[in-house]
Amino acid sequence: MTHLDLELPENIFSALRLPPAEFAREMRIAAAVQWYAERRISQEKAAEIAGQSRAQFIDELRQRKVPAIQLDEDELDAELADD
């Protein structure tokens, strides 16, 4: 596994009132949710980045009010046409 070091100001942790380890965990989850919402990564890859199971990640999406299923109108039409 690759290790990434970030330099952050000491007072940044007070923004979310989290200790550094929890802040880093929250950053991973927030990034994974955002990239998934932007359709840049799959749900499976997002769960991996977040360090969660797919079920946990889907629950995380629900808590953050991000749709777990991402279909645009054309994709939905194609899905419905297949039936």
PDB file of N, CA and C in Angstrom:
ATOM      1  N   MET A   1       0.842  -1.178   0.000  1.00  0.00           N
ATOM      2  CA  MET A   1       0.000   0.000   0.000  1.00  0.00           C
ATOM      3  C   MET A   1       0.884   1.237   0.000  1.00  0.00           C
ATOM      4  N   THR A   2       0.499   2.220  -0.761  1.00  0.00           N
ATOM      5  CA  THR A   2       1.236   3.477  -0.825  1.00  0.00           C
ATOM      6  C   THR A   2       0.896   4.342   0.375  1.00  0.00           C
ATOM      7  N   HIS A   3       1.906   4.999   0.899  1.00  0.00           N
ATOM      8  CA  HIS A   3       1.732   5.899   2.032  1.00  0.00           C
ATOM      9  C   HIS A   3       1.878   7.324   1.523  1.00  0.00           C
ATOM     10  N   LEU A   4       0.979   8.200   1.909  1.00  0.00           N
ATOM     11  CA  LEU A   4       0.983   9.584   1.456  1.00  0.00           C
ATOM     12  C   LEU A   4       1.098  10.501   2.656  1.00  0.00           C
ATOM     13  N   ASP A   5       2.073  11.404   2.634  1.00  0.00           N
ATOM     14  CA  ASP A   5       2.235  12.380   3.707  1.00  0.00           C
ATOM     15  C   ASP A   5       1.689  13.718   3.257  1.00  0.00           C
ATOM     16  N   LEU A   6       0.881  14.331   4.104  1.00  0.00           N
ATOM     17  CA  LEU A   6       0.345  15.662   3.832  1.00  0.00           C
ATOM     18  C   LEU A   6       0.787  16.605   4.934  1.00  0.00           C
ATOM     19  N   GLU A   7       1.178  17.779   4.551  1.00  0.00           N
ATOM     20  CA  GLU A   7       1.495  18.797   5.544  1.00  0.00           C
ATOM     21  C   GLU A   7       0.294  19.715   5.669  1.00  0.00           C
ATOM     22  N   LEU A   8      -0.255  19.758   6.870  1.00  0.00           N
ATOM     23  CA  LEU A   8      -1.425  20.584   7.144  1.00  0.00           C
ATOM     24  C   LEU A   8      -1.141  21.461   8.353  1.00  0.00           C
ATOM     25  N   PRO A   9      -1.689  22.659   8.376  1.00  0.00           N
ATOM     26  CA  PRO A   9      -1.512  23.510   9.557  1.00  0.00           C
ATOM     27  C   PRO A   9      -2.121  22.843  10.792  1.00  0.00           C
ATOM     28  N   GLU A  10      -1.510  23.026  11.937  1.00  0.00           N
ATOM     29  CA  GLU A  10      -1.986  22.401  13.172  1.00  0.00           C
ATOM     30  C   GLU A  10      -3.440  22.737  13.464  1.00  0.00           C
ATOM     31  N   ASN A  11      -3.851  23.964  13.169  1.00  0.00           N
ATOM     32  CA  ASN A  11      -5.210  24.375  13.530  1.00  0.00           C
ATOM     33  C   ASN A  11      -6.286  23.813  12.606  1.00  0.00           C
ATOM     34  N   ILE A  12      -5.894  23.133  11.530  1.00  0.00           N
ATOM     35  CA  ILE A  12      -6.862  22.585  10.586  1.00  0.00           C
ATOM     36  C   ILE A  12      -7.725  21.496  11.223  1.00  0.00           C
ATOM     37  N   PHE A  13      -7.181  20.769  12.180  1.00  0.00           N
ATOM     38  CA  PHE A  13      -7.905  19.673  12.806  1.00  0.00           C
ATOM     39  C   PHE A  13      -9.074  20.170  13.651  1.00  0.00           C
ATOM     40  N   SER A  14      -8.966  21.393  14.119  1.00  0.00           N
ATOM     41  CA  SER A  14     -10.066  21.945  14.908  1.00  0.00           C
ATOM     42  C   SER A  14     -11.265  22.293  14.030  1.00  0.00           C
ATOM     43  N   ALA A  15     -11.074  22.420  12.722  1.00  0.00           N
ATOM     44  CA  ALA A  15     -12.179  22.752  11.825  1.00  0.00           C
ATOM     45  C   ALA A  15     -13.291  21.712  11.918  1.00  0.00           C
ATOM     46  N   LEU A  16     -12.928  20.453  11.983  1.00  0.00           N
ATOM     47  CA  LEU A  16     -13.914  19.380  12.123  1.00  0.00           C
ATOM     48  C   LEU A  16     -13.928  18.796  13.531  1.00  0.00           C
ATOM     49  N   ARG A  17     -13.108  19.351  14.394  1.00  0.00           N
ATOM     50  CA  ARG A  17     -12.998  18.867  15.778  1.00  0.00           C
ATOM     51  C   ARG A  17     -12.671  17.378  15.823  1.00  0.00           C
ATOM     52  N   LEU A  18     -11.661  17.013  15.042  1.00  0.00           N
ATOM     53  CA  LEU A  18     -11.238  15.620  14.969  1.00  0.00           C
ATOM     54  C   LEU A  18      -9.742  15.522  15.198  1.00  0.00           C
ATOM     55  N   PRO A  19      -9.289  14.442  15.846  1.00  0.00           N
ATOM     56  CA  PRO A  19      -7.850  14.204  15.952  1.00  0.00           C
ATOM     57  C   PRO A  19      -7.297  13.862  14.566  1.00  0.00           C
ATOM     58  N   PRO A  20      -5.993  13.995  14.355  1.00  0.00           N
ATOM     59  CA  PRO A  20      -5.405  13.780  13.032  1.00  0.00           C
ATOM     60  C   PRO A  20      -5.790  12.475  12.343  1.00  0.00           C
ATOM     61  N   ALA A  21      -5.808  11.366  13.054  1.00  0.00           N
ATOM     62  CA  ALA A  21      -6.136  10.077  12.418  1.00  0.00           C
ATOM     63  C   ALA A  21      -7.578  10.065  11.919  1.00  0.00           C
ATOM     64  N   GLU A  22      -8.494  10.598  12.698  1.00  0.00           N
ATOM     65  CA  GLU A  22      -9.906  10.654  12.285  1.00  0.00           C
ATOM     66  C   GLU A  22     -10.098  11.660  11.153  1.00  0.00           C
ATOM     67  N   PHE A  23      -9.345  12.752  11.189  1.00  0.00           N
ATOM     68  CA  PHE A  23      -9.392  13.749  10.123  1.00  0.00           C
ATOM     69  C   PHE A  23      -8.960  13.112   8.801  1.00  0.00           C
ATOM     70  N   ALA A  24      -7.897  12.329   8.828  1.00  0.00           N
ATOM     71  CA  ALA A  24      -7.408  11.652   7.621  1.00  0.00           C
ATOM     72  C   ALA A  24      -8.441  10.663   7.112  1.00  0.00           C
ATOM     73  N   ARG A  25      -9.081   9.918   8.012  1.00  0.00           N
ATOM     74  CA  ARG A  25     -10.130   8.976   7.618  1.00  0.00           C
ATOM     75  C   ARG A  25     -11.283   9.718   6.964  1.00  0.00           C
ATOM     76  N   GLU A  26     -11.698  10.824   7.546  1.00  0.00           N
ATOM     77  CA  GLU A  26     -12.788  11.625   6.986  1.00  0.00           C
ATOM     78  C   GLU A  26     -12.415  12.184   5.611  1.00  0.00           C
ATOM     79  N   MET A  27     -11.159  12.569   5.432  1.00  0.00           N
ATOM     80  CA  MET A  27     -10.706  13.060   4.126  1.00  0.00           C
ATOM     81  C   MET A  27     -10.830  11.967   3.069  1.00  0.00           C
ATOM     82  N   ARG A  28     -10.451  10.747   3.412  1.00  0.00           N
ATOM     83  CA  ARG A  28     -10.554   9.627   2.463  1.00  0.00           C
ATOM     84  C   ARG A  28     -11.998   9.389   2.061  1.00  0.00           C
ATOM     85  N   ILE A  29     -12.877   9.371   3.049  1.00  0.00           N
ATOM     86  CA  ILE A  29     -14.288   9.126   2.766  1.00  0.00           C
ATOM     87  C   ILE A  29     -14.879  10.272   1.948  1.00  0.00           C
ATOM     88  N   ALA A  30     -14.599  11.492   2.355  1.00  0.00           N
ATOM     89  CA  ALA A  30     -15.141  12.660   1.645  1.00  0.00           C
ATOM     90  C   ALA A  30     -14.664  12.689   0.193  1.00  0.00           C
ATOM     91  N   ALA A  31     -13.402  12.380  -0.034  1.00  0.00           N
ATOM     92  CA  ALA A  31     -12.868  12.354  -1.399  1.00  0.00           C
ATOM     93  C   ALA A  31     -13.546  11.254  -2.207  1.00  0.00           C
ATOM     94  N   ALA A  32     -13.694  10.082  -1.625  1.00  0.00           N
ATOM     95  CA  ALA A  32     -14.326   8.967  -2.335  1.00  0.00           C
ATOM     96  C   ALA A  32     -15.773   9.298  -2.694  1.00  0.00           C
ATOM     97  N   VAL A  33     -16.510   9.877  -1.763  1.00  0.00           N
ATOM     98  CA  VAL A  33     -17.903  10.256  -2.016  1.00  0.00           C
ATOM     99  C   VAL A  33     -17.965  11.293  -3.129  1.00  0.00           C
ATOM    100  N   GLN A  34     -17.108  12.297  -3.066  1.00  0.00           N
ATOM    101  CA  GLN A  34     -17.113  13.357  -4.080  1.00  0.00           C
ATOM    102  C   GLN A  34     -16.768  12.813  -5.463  1.00  0.00           C
ATOM    103  N   TRP A  35     -15.725  12.015  -5.552  1.00  0.00           N
ATOM    104  CA  TRP A  35     -15.321  11.462  -6.844  1.00  0.00           C
ATOM    105  C   TRP A  35     -16.390  10.532  -7.405  1.00  0.00           C
ATOM    106  N   TYR A  36     -17.064   9.788  -6.518  1.00  0.00           N
ATOM    107  CA  TYR A  36     -18.164   8.933  -6.966  1.00  0.00           C
ATOM    108  C   TYR A  36     -19.328   9.797  -7.464  1.00  0.00           C
ATOM    109  N   ALA A  37     -19.658  10.838  -6.721  1.00  0.00           N
ATOM    110  CA  ALA A  37     -20.755  11.726  -7.114  1.00  0.00           C
ATOM    111  C   ALA A  37     -20.473  12.386  -8.461  1.00  0.00           C
ATOM    112  N   GLU A  38     -19.214  12.657  -8.741  1.00  0.00           N
ATOM    113  CA  GLU A  38     -18.807  13.260 -10.023  1.00  0.00           C
ATOM    114  C   GLU A  38     -18.714  12.219 -11.140  1.00  0.00           C
ATOM    115  N   ARG A  39     -18.955  10.958 -10.788  1.00  0.00           N
ATOM    116  CA  ARG A  39     -18.878   9.830 -11.729  1.00  0.00           C
ATOM    117  C   ARG A  39     -17.464   9.625 -12.280  1.00  0.00           C
ATOM    118  N   ARG A  40     -16.484   9.976 -11.486  1.00  0.00           N
ATOM    119  CA  ARG A  40     -15.086   9.801 -11.884  1.00  0.00           C
ATOM    120  C   ARG A  40     -14.577   8.409 -11.540  1.00  0.00           C
ATOM    121  N   ILE A  41     -15.192   7.784 -10.520  1.00  0.00           N
ATOM    122  CA  ILE A  41     -14.789   6.443 -10.097  1.00  0.00           C
ATOM    123  C   ILE A  41     -16.036   5.602  -9.839  1.00  0.00           C
ATOM    124  N   SER A  42     -15.849   4.291  -9.870  1.00  0.00           N
ATOM    125  CA  SER A  42     -16.951   3.364  -9.620  1.00  0.00           C
ATOM    126  C   SER A  42     -17.253   3.297  -8.124  1.00  0.00           C
ATOM    127  N   GLN A  43     -18.400   2.737  -7.820  1.00  0.00           N
ATOM    128  CA  GLN A  43     -18.781   2.538  -6.430  1.00  0.00           C
ATOM    129  C   GLN A  43     -17.780   1.610  -5.730  1.00  0.00           C
ATOM    130  N   GLU A  44     -17.355   0.583  -6.425  1.00  0.00           N
ATOM    131  CA  GLU A  44     -16.386  -0.357  -5.859  1.00  0.00           C
ATOM    132  C   GLU A  44     -15.064   0.329  -5.538  1.00  0.00           C
ATOM    133  N   LYS A  45     -14.562   1.136  -6.473  1.00  0.00           N
ATOM    134  CA  LYS A  45     -13.300   1.843  -6.261  1.00  0.00           C
ATOM    135  C   LYS A  45     -13.450   2.883  -5.150  1.00  0.00           C
ATOM    136  N   ALA A  46     -14.594   3.553  -5.108  1.00  0.00           N
ATOM    137  CA  ALA A  46     -14.831   4.547  -4.060  1.00  0.00           C
ATOM    138  C   ALA A  46     -14.821   3.897  -2.678  1.00  0.00           C
ATOM    139  N   ALA A  47     -15.451   2.744  -2.566  1.00  0.00           N
ATOM    140  CA  ALA A  47     -15.452   2.025  -1.287  1.00  0.00           C
ATOM    141  C   ALA A  47     -14.027   1.657  -0.884  1.00  0.00           C
ATOM    142  N   GLU A  48     -13.252   1.230  -1.853  1.00  0.00           N
ATOM    143  CA  GLU A  48     -11.852   0.880  -1.580  1.00  0.00           C
ATOM    144  C   GLU A  48     -11.075   2.100  -1.091  1.00  0.00           C
ATOM    145  N   ILE A  49     -11.226   3.228  -1.764  1.00  0.00           N
ATOM    146  CA  ILE A  49     -10.534   4.462  -1.356  1.00  0.00           C
ATOM    147  C   ILE A  49     -10.970   4.872   0.047  1.00  0.00           C
ATOM    148  N   ALA A  50     -12.276   4.740   0.318  1.00  0.00           N
ATOM    149  CA  ALA A  50     -12.808   5.121   1.625  1.00  0.00           C
ATOM    150  C   ALA A  50     -12.386   4.154   2.732  1.00  0.00           C
ATOM    151  N   GLY A  51     -11.861   2.988   2.345  1.00  0.00           N
ATOM    152  CA  GLY A  51     -11.476   1.994   3.351  1.00  0.00           C
ATOM    153  C   GLY A  51     -12.692   1.323   3.971  1.00  0.00           C
ATOM    154  N   GLN A  52     -13.738   1.162   3.154  1.00  0.00           N
ATOM    155  CA  GLN A  52     -14.983   0.586   3.627  1.00  0.00           C
ATOM    156  C   GLN A  52     -15.416  -0.563   2.725  1.00  0.00           C
ATOM    157  N   SER A  53     -16.329  -1.380   3.254  1.00  0.00           N
ATOM    158  CA  SER A  53     -16.967  -2.364   2.393  1.00  0.00           C
ATOM    159  C   SER A  53     -17.927  -1.607   1.480  1.00  0.00           C
ATOM    160  N   ARG A  54     -18.381  -2.284   0.452  1.00  0.00           N
ATOM    161  CA  ARG A  54     -19.322  -1.627  -0.468  1.00  0.00           C
ATOM    162  C   ARG A  54     -20.621  -1.273   0.258  1.00  0.00           C
ATOM    163  N   ALA A  55     -21.097  -2.149   1.126  1.00  0.00           N
ATOM    164  CA  ALA A  55     -22.320  -1.880   1.898  1.00  0.00           C
ATOM    165  C   ALA A  55     -22.133  -0.667   2.808  1.00  0.00           C
ATOM    166  N   GLN A  56     -20.972  -0.578   3.447  1.00  0.00           N
ATOM    167  CA  GLN A  56     -20.696   0.572   4.309  1.00  0.00           C
ATOM    168  C   GLN A  56     -20.652   1.858   3.480  1.00  0.00           C
ATOM    169  N   PHE A  57     -20.053   1.777   2.294  1.00  0.00           N
ATOM    170  CA  PHE A  57     -19.954   2.957   1.446  1.00  0.00           C
ATOM    171  C   PHE A  57     -21.335   3.395   0.975  1.00  0.00           C
ATOM    172  N   ILE A  58     -22.187   2.444   0.616  1.00  0.00           N
ATOM    173  CA  ILE A  58     -23.554   2.788   0.205  1.00  0.00           C
ATOM    174  C   ILE A  58     -24.286   3.480   1.356  1.00  0.00           C
ATOM    175  N   ASP A  59     -24.080   3.000   2.569  1.00  0.00           N
ATOM    176  CA  ASP A  59     -24.681   3.658   3.737  1.00  0.00           C
ATOM    177  C   ASP A  59     -24.110   5.066   3.910  1.00  0.00           C
ATOM    178  N   GLU A  60     -22.821   5.211   3.660  1.00  0.00           N
ATOM    179  CA  GLU A  60     -22.182   6.535   3.736  1.00  0.00           C
ATOM    180  C   GLU A  60     -22.814   7.481   2.712  1.00  0.00           C
ATOM    181  N   LEU A  61     -23.055   6.988   1.511  1.00  0.00           N
ATOM    182  CA  LEU A  61     -23.711   7.798   0.491  1.00  0.00           C
ATOM    183  C   LEU A  61     -25.096   8.233   0.967  1.00  0.00           C
ATOM    184  N   ARG A  62     -25.838   7.304   1.556  1.00  0.00           N
ATOM    185  CA  ARG A  62     -27.175   7.623   2.059  1.00  0.00           C
ATOM    186  C   ARG A  62     -27.110   8.724   3.115  1.00  0.00           C
ATOM    187  N   GLN A  63     -26.167   8.593   4.040  1.00  0.00           N
ATOM    188  CA  GLN A  63     -26.026   9.591   5.101  1.00  0.00           C
ATOM    189  C   GLN A  63     -25.676  10.971   4.542  1.00  0.00           C
ATOM    190  N   ARG A  64     -24.929  10.989   3.462  1.00  0.00           N
ATOM    191  CA  ARG A  64     -24.498  12.260   2.852  1.00  0.00           C
ATOM    192  C   ARG A  64     -25.437  12.717   1.730  1.00  0.00           C
ATOM    193  N   LYS A  65     -26.549  11.990   1.587  1.00  0.00           N
ATOM    194  CA  LYS A  65     -27.582  12.327   0.606  1.00  0.00           C
ATOM    195  C   LYS A  65     -27.052  12.372  -0.833  1.00  0.00           C
ATOM    196  N   VAL A  66     -26.221  11.379  -1.153  1.00  0.00           N
ATOM    197  CA  VAL A  66     -25.685  11.207  -2.500  1.00  0.00           C
ATOM    198  C   VAL A  66     -26.317   9.938  -3.074  1.00  0.00           C
ATOM    199  N   PRO A  67     -26.925  10.025  -4.248  1.00  0.00           N
ATOM    200  CA  PRO A  67     -27.560   8.835  -4.829  1.00  0.00           C
ATOM    201  C   PRO A  67     -26.561   7.694  -5.018  1.00  0.00           C
ATOM    202  N   ALA A  68     -26.966   6.498  -4.588  1.00  0.00           N
ATOM    203  CA  ALA A  68     -26.102   5.329  -4.726  1.00  0.00           C
ATOM    204  C   ALA A  68     -26.116   4.798  -6.154  1.00  0.00           C
ATOM    205  N   ILE A  69     -27.207   5.044  -6.865  1.00  0.00           N
ATOM    206  CA  ILE A  69     -27.320   4.612  -8.257  1.00  0.00           C
ATOM    207  C   ILE A  69     -27.293   5.845  -9.135  1.00  0.00           C
ATOM    208  N   GLN A  70     -26.398   5.841 -10.079  1.00  0.00           N
ATOM    209  CA  GLN A  70     -26.224   7.005 -10.936  1.00  0.00           C
ATOM    210  C   GLN A  70     -26.573   6.663 -12.373  1.00  0.00           C
ATOM    211  N   LEU A  71     -27.745   7.088 -12.782  1.00  0.00           N
ATOM    212  CA  LEU A  71     -28.169   6.906 -14.159  1.00  0.00           C
ATOM    213  C   LEU A  71     -28.651   8.242 -14.693  1.00  0.00           C
ATOM    214  N   ASP A  72     -28.203   8.607 -15.887  1.00  0.00           N
ATOM    215  CA  ASP A  72     -28.774   9.794 -16.508  1.00  0.00           C
ATOM    216  C   ASP A  72     -29.995   9.359 -17.319  1.00  0.00           C
ATOM    217  N   GLU A  73     -30.694  10.299 -17.917  1.00  0.00           N
ATOM    218  CA  GLU A  73     -31.937   9.975 -18.624  1.00  0.00           C
ATOM    219  C   GLU A  73     -31.727   8.962 -19.745  1.00  0.00           C
ATOM    220  N   ASP A  74     -30.657   9.127 -20.509  1.00  0.00           N
ATOM    221  CA  ASP A  74     -30.384   8.194 -21.607  1.00  0.00           C
ATOM    222  C   ASP A  74     -30.144   6.783 -21.097  1.00  0.00           C
ATOM    223  N   GLU A  75     -29.379   6.662 -20.018  1.00  0.00           N
ATOM    224  CA  GLU A  75     -29.106   5.345 -19.441  1.00  0.00           C
ATOM    225  C   GLU A  75     -30.380   4.714 -18.886  1.00  0.00           C
ATOM    226  N   LEU A  76     -31.215   5.537 -18.258  1.00  0.00           N
ATOM    227  CA  LEU A  76     -32.474   5.034 -17.730  1.00  0.00           C
ATOM    228  C   LEU A  76     -33.369   4.555 -18.874  1.00  0.00           C
ATOM    229  N   ASP A  77     -33.458   5.336 -19.940  1.00  0.00           N
ATOM    230  CA  ASP A  77     -34.254   4.938 -21.104  1.00  0.00           C
ATOM    231  C   ASP A  77     -33.755   3.612 -21.675  1.00  0.00           C
ATOM    232  N   ALA A  78     -32.436   3.467 -21.753  1.00  0.00           N
ATOM    233  CA  ALA A  78     -31.848   2.229 -22.287  1.00  0.00           C
ATOM    234  C   ALA A  78     -32.188   1.048 -21.371  1.00  0.00           C
ATOM    235  N   GLU A  79     -32.119   1.253 -20.056  1.00  0.00           N
ATOM    236  CA  GLU A  79     -32.450   0.190 -19.106  1.00  0.00           C
ATOM    237  C   GLU A  79     -33.914  -0.222 -19.252  1.00  0.00           C
ATOM    238  N   LEU A  80     -34.795   0.747 -19.372  1.00  0.00           N
ATOM    239  CA  LEU A  80     -36.223   0.460 -19.485  1.00  0.00           C
ATOM    240  C   LEU A  80     -36.559  -0.188 -20.816  1.00  0.00           C
ATOM    241  N   ALA A  81     -35.836   0.168 -21.866  1.00  0.00           N
ATOM    242  CA  ALA A  81     -36.068  -0.405 -23.194  1.00  0.00           C
ATOM    243  C   ALA A  81     -35.673  -1.866 -23.241  1.00  0.00           C
ATOM    244  N   ASP A  82     -34.723  -2.272 -22.407  1.00  0.00           N
ATOM    245  CA  ASP A  82     -34.250  -3.667 -22.386  1.00  0.00           C
ATOM    246  C   ASP A  82     -35.276  -4.620 -21.800  1.00  0.00           C
ATOM    247  N   ASP A  83     -36.244  -4.100 -21.077  1.00  0.00           N
ATOM    248  CA  ASP A  83     -37.244  -4.974 -20.437  1.00  0.00           C
ATOM    249  C   ASP A  83     -38.315  -5.419 -21.363  1.00  0.00           C
TER     250      ASP A  83
END
